[in-house]
Amino acid sequence: MSINITSKRVLSDRRKRPNHLINRYTFIGGRRKTIRREIDKKNLVLLDYYSPRLLIILLSILLLSYVDAYLTLVLVKTNIIVEANPSMAFHLEQGEMPFIFNKFFLTAGPLIILCLFQNNYIAKKGLKFILTVYIAIITYQLYLTHITH
């Protein structure tokens, strides 16, 4: 006895629809760690698994941003430097707290976007570039504080 089962439903390829930027796995443990198909590597695919390495890079950039803000405040107060960024100079004129809050949001906002697009070539290079620039800036600021004290 043979059973002939025919399915009358039409299934569309779920890969033709883009992934949602934020879904139920974004914050509570995702499942997609890598792009598995070669054809998908050419497209923008959002992964919902964030590696510990990515977390360390993001937290390092945020920490370096705070160190940069602190050293900038110290160096500006001692009249060694002036804030070169016109936007941040405006916030610095408003006070220390507006300067620090804006520094945080102007750093954290783009980091969230780079985190969501973590598998994109530009995002990967962007995170490394930002980390390198912050290390260079803080090294220079520490040098300035050392030679003036």
C-alpha atoms as a PDB file:
ATOM      1  CA  MET A   1       0.000   0.000   0.000  1.00  0.00           C
ATOM      2  CA  SER A   2       1.555   3.309  -1.033  1.00  0.00           C
ATOM      3  CA  ILE A   3       0.438   6.665   0.213  1.00  0.00           C
ATOM      4  CA  ASN A   4       0.689   9.558  -2.189  1.00  0.00           C
ATOM      5  CA  ILE A   5       0.892  12.773  -0.255  1.00  0.00           C
ATOM      6  CA  THR A   6       0.927  15.924  -2.290  1.00  0.00           C
ATOM      7  CA  SER A   7       1.230  19.256  -0.707  1.00  0.00           C
ATOM      8  CA  LYS A   8      -0.890  21.992  -2.186  1.00  0.00           C
ATOM      9  CA  ARG A   9       0.730  24.736  -0.213  1.00  0.00           C
ATOM     10  CA  VAL A  10       3.219  27.060  -1.771  1.00  0.00           C
ATOM     11  CA  LEU A  11       6.194  27.908   0.349  1.00  0.00           C
ATOM     12  CA  SER A  12       8.167  30.986  -0.459  1.00  0.00           C
ATOM     13  CA  ASP A  13      11.847  31.149   0.238  1.00  0.00           C
ATOM     14  CA  ARG A  14      12.210  32.908   3.600  1.00  0.00           C
ATOM     15  CA  ARG A  15      15.624  34.221   2.551  1.00  0.00           C
ATOM     16  CA  LYS A  16      14.001  36.514  -0.009  1.00  0.00           C
ATOM     17  CA  ARG A  17      12.651  38.625   2.838  1.00  0.00           C
ATOM     18  CA  PRO A  18      15.190  40.707   4.720  1.00  0.00           C
ATOM     19  CA  ASN A  19      15.869  39.974   8.352  1.00  0.00           C
ATOM     20  CA  HIS A  20      14.289  42.353  10.771  1.00  0.00           C
ATOM     21  CA  LEU A  21      16.778  44.763  12.280  1.00  0.00           C
ATOM     22  CA  ILE A  22      15.489  44.070  15.782  1.00  0.00           C
ATOM     23  CA  ASN A  23      13.750  40.812  16.613  1.00  0.00           C
ATOM     24  CA  ARG A  24      13.188  38.560  19.619  1.00  0.00           C
ATOM     25  CA  TYR A  25      16.739  37.225  19.449  1.00  0.00           C
ATOM     26  CA  THR A  26      18.504  40.584  19.253  1.00  0.00           C
ATOM     27  CA  PHE A  27      18.893  40.985  23.014  1.00  0.00           C
ATOM     28  CA  ILE A  28      18.290  37.525  24.480  1.00  0.00           C
ATOM     29  CA  GLY A  29      20.619  35.131  22.724  1.00  0.00           C
ATOM     30  CA  GLY A  30      20.443  34.703  19.015  1.00  0.00           C
ATOM     31  CA  ARG A  31      21.016  31.690  16.870  1.00  0.00           C
ATOM     32  CA  ARG A  32      22.648  33.054  13.718  1.00  0.00           C
ATOM     33  CA  LYS A  33      26.399  33.196  14.341  1.00  0.00           C
ATOM     34  CA  THR A  34      27.722  33.184  10.795  1.00  0.00           C
ATOM     35  CA  ILE A  35      26.583  33.515   7.224  1.00  0.00           C
ATOM     36  CA  ARG A  36      26.469  29.953   5.946  1.00  0.00           C
ATOM     37  CA  ARG A  37      25.658  30.305   2.262  1.00  0.00           C
ATOM     38  CA  GLU A  38      28.115  31.821  -0.200  1.00  0.00           C
ATOM     39  CA  ILE A  39      25.341  33.638  -2.038  1.00  0.00           C
ATOM     40  CA  ASP A  40      24.233  35.304   1.223  1.00  0.00           C
ATOM     41  CA  LYS A  41      27.746  36.660   1.852  1.00  0.00           C
ATOM     42  CA  LYS A  42      27.217  39.118  -0.995  1.00  0.00           C
ATOM     43  CA  ASN A  43      24.064  40.511   0.611  1.00  0.00           C
ATOM     44  CA  LEU A  44      23.538  42.402   3.829  1.00  0.00           C
ATOM     45  CA  VAL A  45      22.595  39.772   6.396  1.00  0.00           C
ATOM     46  CA  LEU A  46      21.974  40.677  10.007  1.00  0.00           C
ATOM     47  CA  LEU A  47      23.183  38.209  12.599  1.00  0.00           C
ATOM     48  CA  ASP A  48      21.583  38.005  16.017  1.00  0.00           C
ATOM     49  CA  TYR A  49      24.471  36.408  17.887  1.00  0.00           C
ATOM     50  CA  TYR A  50      27.049  38.781  19.310  1.00  0.00           C
ATOM     51  CA  SER A  51      30.436  37.335  20.180  1.00  0.00           C
ATOM     52  CA  PRO A  52      32.314  38.064  23.401  1.00  0.00           C
ATOM     53  CA  ARG A  53      35.066  39.594  21.236  1.00  0.00           C
ATOM     54  CA  LEU A  54      32.599  42.119  19.817  1.00  0.00           C
ATOM     55  CA  LEU A  55      31.412  42.942  23.339  1.00  0.00           C
ATOM     56  CA  ILE A  56      35.006  43.557  24.464  1.00  0.00           C
ATOM     57  CA  ILE A  57      35.652  45.843  21.482  1.00  0.00           C
ATOM     58  CA  LEU A  58      32.445  47.835  22.073  1.00  0.00           C
ATOM     59  CA  LEU A  59      33.076  48.216  25.805  1.00  0.00           C
ATOM     60  CA  SER A  60      36.699  49.169  25.142  1.00  0.00           C
ATOM     61  CA  ILE A  61      35.608  51.932  22.770  1.00  0.00           C
ATOM     62  CA  LEU A  62      33.085  53.237  25.314  1.00  0.00           C
ATOM     63  CA  LEU A  63      35.695  53.158  28.074  1.00  0.00           C
ATOM     64  CA  LEU A  64      38.227  54.933  25.871  1.00  0.00           C
ATOM     65  CA  SER A  65      35.570  57.520  25.041  1.00  0.00           C
ATOM     66  CA  TYR A  66      35.125  58.252  28.742  1.00  0.00           C
ATOM     67  CA  VAL A  67      38.891  58.438  29.266  1.00  0.00           C
ATOM     68  CA  ASP A  68      39.081  60.813  26.297  1.00  0.00           C
ATOM     69  CA  ALA A  69      36.341  62.991  27.796  1.00  0.00           C
ATOM     70  CA  TYR A  70      38.071  63.086  31.180  1.00  0.00           C
ATOM     71  CA  LEU A  71      41.489  63.897  29.734  1.00  0.00           C
ATOM     72  CA  THR A  72      39.961  66.519  27.457  1.00  0.00           C
ATOM     73  CA  LEU A  73      38.342  68.196  30.470  1.00  0.00           C
ATOM     74  CA  VAL A  74      41.623  68.126  32.399  1.00  0.00           C
ATOM     75  CA  LEU A  75      43.641  69.521  29.496  1.00  0.00           C
ATOM     76  CA  VAL A  76      41.086  72.207  28.651  1.00  0.00           C
ATOM     77  CA  LYS A  77      40.878  73.349  32.287  1.00  0.00           C
ATOM     78  CA  THR A  78      44.651  73.742  32.427  1.00  0.00           C
ATOM     79  CA  ASN A  79      44.625  75.660  29.109  1.00  0.00           C
ATOM     80  CA  ILE A  80      46.898  73.139  27.411  1.00  0.00           C
ATOM     81  CA  ILE A  81      44.468  72.381  24.591  1.00  0.00           C
ATOM     82  CA  VAL A  82      41.194  73.606  23.138  1.00  0.00           C
ATOM     83  CA  GLU A  83      38.438  71.299  21.970  1.00  0.00           C
ATOM     84  CA  ALA A  84      38.953  70.892  18.211  1.00  0.00           C
ATOM     85  CA  ASN A  85      35.500  69.488  17.427  1.00  0.00           C
ATOM     86  CA  PRO A  86      33.097  72.463  17.079  1.00  0.00           C
ATOM     87  CA  SER A  87      30.086  70.407  18.198  1.00  0.00           C
ATOM     88  CA  MET A  88      31.827  69.145  21.322  1.00  0.00           C
ATOM     89  CA  ALA A  89      33.273  72.620  21.977  1.00  0.00           C
ATOM     90  CA  PHE A  90      29.705  73.946  22.038  1.00  0.00           C
ATOM     91  CA  HIS A  91      28.674  71.293  24.568  1.00  0.00           C
ATOM     92  CA  LEU A  92      31.793  71.978  26.612  1.00  0.00           C
ATOM     93  CA  GLU A  93      30.748  75.632  26.865  1.00  0.00           C
ATOM     94  CA  GLN A  94      27.425  74.420  28.302  1.00  0.00           C
ATOM     95  CA  GLY A  95      29.233  72.604  31.107  1.00  0.00           C
ATOM     96  CA  GLU A  96      30.977  69.363  31.967  1.00  0.00           C
ATOM     97  CA  MET A  97      27.874  67.170  32.239  1.00  0.00           C
ATOM     98  CA  PRO A  98      26.396  68.176  28.850  1.00  0.00           C
ATOM     99  CA  PHE A  99      29.839  67.544  27.354  1.00  0.00           C
ATOM    100  CA  ILE A 100      30.082  64.059  28.911  1.00  0.00           C
ATOM    101  CA  PHE A 101      26.491  63.069  28.042  1.00  0.00           C
ATOM    102  CA  ASN A 102      26.849  64.176  24.432  1.00  0.00           C
ATOM    103  CA  LYS A 103      30.210  62.464  24.176  1.00  0.00           C
ATOM    104  CA  PHE A 104      28.564  59.245  25.378  1.00  0.00           C
ATOM    105  CA  PHE A 105      25.567  59.441  23.033  1.00  0.00           C
ATOM    106  CA  LEU A 106      27.674  60.446  20.037  1.00  0.00           C
ATOM    107  CA  THR A 107      29.855  57.404  20.693  1.00  0.00           C
ATOM    108  CA  ALA A 108      27.227  54.859  21.790  1.00  0.00           C
ATOM    109  CA  GLY A 109      24.739  55.586  18.993  1.00  0.00           C
ATOM    110  CA  PRO A 110      27.057  54.690  16.124  1.00  0.00           C
ATOM    111  CA  LEU A 111      28.396  51.722  18.109  1.00  0.00           C
ATOM    112  CA  ILE A 112      24.889  50.260  18.283  1.00  0.00           C
ATOM    113  CA  ILE A 113      24.578  50.546  14.516  1.00  0.00           C
ATOM    114  CA  LEU A 114      28.015  49.012  13.962  1.00  0.00           C
ATOM    115  CA  CYS A 115      27.083  46.195  16.346  1.00  0.00           C
ATOM    116  CA  LEU A 116      23.885  45.386  14.457  1.00  0.00           C
ATOM    117  CA  PHE A 117      25.794  45.316  11.158  1.00  0.00           C
ATOM    118  CA  GLN A 118      28.717  43.393  12.658  1.00  0.00           C
ATOM    119  CA  ASN A 119      29.237  41.092   9.674  1.00  0.00           C
ATOM    120  CA  ASN A 120      29.482  43.959   7.185  1.00  0.00           C
ATOM    121  CA  TYR A 121      33.012  44.640   5.939  1.00  0.00           C
ATOM    122  CA  ILE A 122      32.766  48.393   6.550  1.00  0.00           C
ATOM    123  CA  ALA A 123      31.401  47.878  10.074  1.00  0.00           C
ATOM    124  CA  LYS A 124      34.238  45.484  10.957  1.00  0.00           C
ATOM    125  CA  LYS A 125      36.868  47.872   9.662  1.00  0.00           C
ATOM    126  CA  GLY A 126      35.051  50.812  11.271  1.00  0.00           C
ATOM    127  CA  LEU A 127      35.208  49.268  14.741  1.00  0.00           C
ATOM    128  CA  LYS A 128      38.930  48.584  14.379  1.00  0.00           C
ATOM    129  CA  PHE A 129      39.505  52.098  13.054  1.00  0.00           C
ATOM    130  CA  ILE A 130      37.573  53.741  15.915  1.00  0.00           C
ATOM    131  CA  LEU A 131      39.469  51.680  18.491  1.00  0.00           C
ATOM    132  CA  THR A 132      42.806  52.607  16.906  1.00  0.00           C
ATOM    133  CA  VAL A 133      41.939  56.313  16.734  1.00  0.00           C
ATOM    134  CA  TYR A 134      40.870  56.400  20.389  1.00  0.00           C
ATOM    135  CA  ILE A 135      44.088  54.682  21.462  1.00  0.00           C
ATOM    136  CA  ALA A 136      46.115  57.230  19.477  1.00  0.00           C
ATOM    137  CA  ILE A 137      44.162  60.197  20.885  1.00  0.00           C
ATOM    138  CA  ILE A 138      44.486  59.006  24.474  1.00  0.00           C
ATOM    139  CA  THR A 139      48.187  58.263  24.014  1.00  0.00           C
ATOM    140  CA  TYR A 140      48.672  61.826  22.765  1.00  0.00           C
ATOM    141  CA  GLN A 141      46.608  63.263  25.639  1.00  0.00           C
ATOM    142  CA  LEU A 142      48.611  61.272  28.192  1.00  0.00           C
ATOM    143  CA  TYR A 143      51.788  62.558  26.580  1.00  0.00           C
ATOM    144  CA  LEU A 144      50.485  66.137  26.907  1.00  0.00           C
ATOM    145  CA  THR A 145      49.606  65.639  30.567  1.00  0.00           C
ATOM    146  CA  HIS A 146      53.020  64.093  31.228  1.00  0.00           C
ATOM    147  CA  ILE A 147      55.093  66.864  29.647  1.00  0.00           C
ATOM    148  CA  THR A 148      53.123  69.626  31.353  1.00  0.00           C
ATOM    149  CA  HIS A 149      53.318  68.215  34.885  1.00  0.00           C
END
